[in-house]
Amino acid sequence: MAENTPVQGQSKGKSIACMVCGIASIVASYGYGVGLICAIVSLILGAQCKKDGVQNQFTKVGKITAIIGLILSIIGTIASIAVAIAGAALSAQYGY
């Protein structure tokens, strides 16, 4: 077996992990950075699968869900910061 040839089971495992992390990033998108971490991990695994020459359905789904999870995580983080700033401003205004 050549040195750069991926082992079939290992590549399939990476692509499944890519998909699972991508789906987890959507589910945890409002979990204070957890979704962001899952999305980044999924994108890294997807890039590794592409480098290994593996492009199957799991990898494609993983990349798509990772991008969706990344966007939702960024929106959730911005919304959390906006709510915190609004709460601090209101508490300062009313002397709490």
Protein backbone atom coordinates (compact mmCIF):
# COMPACT_ATOMS: atom_id res chain seq x y z
CA MET A 1 0.00 0.00 0.00
CA ALA A 2 1.37 3.43 -0.89
CA GLU A 3 2.21 5.81 1.91
CA ASN A 4 -0.24 8.53 0.82
CA THR A 5 -3.14 6.17 0.13
CA PRO A 6 -5.79 6.64 2.81
CA VAL A 7 -7.11 3.65 4.67
CA GLN A 8 -10.73 3.24 3.62
CA GLY A 9 -12.16 2.94 7.14
CA GLN A 10 -10.17 5.91 8.45
CA SER A 11 -11.37 8.18 5.63
CA LYS A 12 -14.94 7.08 6.12
CA GLY A 13 -14.62 7.73 9.84
CA LYS A 14 -13.33 11.25 9.20
CA SER A 15 -16.16 12.00 6.81
CA ILE A 16 -18.77 10.71 9.27
CA ALA A 17 -17.15 12.78 12.05
CA CYS A 18 -17.29 15.79 9.73
CA MET A 19 -21.02 15.26 9.23
CA VAL A 20 -21.72 14.69 12.94
CA CYS A 21 -19.78 17.80 13.98
CA GLY A 22 -21.57 19.85 11.32
CA ILE A 23 -24.97 18.73 12.58
CA ALA A 24 -23.89 19.33 16.18
CA SER A 25 -22.83 22.86 15.24
CA ILE A 26 -26.38 23.62 14.11
CA VAL A 27 -27.93 22.10 17.22
CA ALA A 28 -25.51 23.91 19.56
CA SER A 29 -25.40 27.18 17.63
CA TYR A 30 -26.75 29.19 20.57
CA GLY A 31 -24.62 27.41 23.15
CA TYR A 32 -22.08 30.17 23.89
CA GLY A 33 -19.43 29.13 21.40
CA VAL A 34 -20.00 25.37 21.39
CA GLY A 35 -21.59 25.50 17.94
CA LEU A 36 -18.73 27.63 16.68
CA ILE A 37 -16.17 25.08 17.87
CA CYS A 38 -18.11 22.18 16.30
CA ALA A 39 -18.38 24.05 13.00
CA ILE A 40 -14.65 24.78 12.88
CA VAL A 41 -13.82 21.14 13.70
CA SER A 42 -16.19 19.99 10.96
CA LEU A 43 -14.62 22.29 8.38
CA ILE A 44 -11.13 21.07 9.34
CA LEU A 45 -12.21 17.43 9.03
CA GLY A 46 -13.81 18.21 5.67
CA ALA A 47 -10.56 19.77 4.45
CA GLN A 48 -8.61 16.71 5.63
CA CYS A 49 -11.00 14.42 3.76
CA LYS A 50 -10.57 16.50 0.62
CA LYS A 51 -6.78 16.32 1.03
CA ASP A 52 -7.05 12.54 1.41
CA GLY A 53 -9.07 12.38 -1.79
CA VAL A 54 -12.32 11.37 -0.12
CA GLN A 55 -15.42 13.20 -1.33
CA ASN A 56 -18.49 11.25 -0.30
CA GLN A 57 -21.96 12.26 0.85
CA PHE A 58 -20.94 12.42 4.50
CA THR A 59 -18.21 14.94 3.74
CA LYS A 60 -20.50 17.10 1.61
CA VAL A 61 -23.25 17.10 4.24
CA GLY A 62 -20.67 17.84 6.93
CA LYS A 63 -19.32 20.87 5.09
CA ILE A 64 -22.78 22.26 4.36
CA THR A 65 -24.04 21.81 7.92
CA ALA A 66 -20.77 23.25 9.27
CA ILE A 67 -21.24 26.42 7.25
CA ILE A 68 -24.85 26.71 8.42
CA GLY A 69 -23.79 26.08 12.02
CA LEU A 70 -20.99 28.63 11.73
CA ILE A 71 -23.38 31.31 10.49
CA LEU A 72 -25.96 30.51 13.18
CA SER A 73 -23.26 30.52 15.87
CA ILE A 74 -22.03 33.93 14.77
CA ILE A 75 -25.59 35.28 14.77
CA GLY A 76 -26.21 33.77 18.22
CA THR A 77 -23.01 35.24 19.61
CA ILE A 78 -23.83 38.70 18.25
CA ALA A 79 -27.37 38.46 19.65
CA SER A 80 -26.03 37.42 23.08
CA ILE A 81 -23.61 40.35 23.12
CA ALA A 82 -26.37 42.76 22.05
CA VAL A 83 -28.67 41.53 24.83
CA ALA A 84 -25.88 41.83 27.40
CA ILE A 85 -25.09 45.39 26.30
CA ALA A 86 -28.76 46.36 26.33
CA GLY A 87 -29.17 44.87 29.80
CA ALA A 88 -26.14 46.72 31.11
CA ALA A 89 -27.34 49.99 29.60
CA LEU A 90 -30.80 49.62 31.09
CA SER A 91 -29.49 48.70 34.50
CA ALA A 92 -27.16 51.72 34.45
CA GLN A 93 -30.00 53.99 33.35
CA TYR A 94 -32.34 52.88 36.13
CA GLY A 95 -29.64 52.60 38.78
CA TYR A 96 -29.72 48.85 39.40
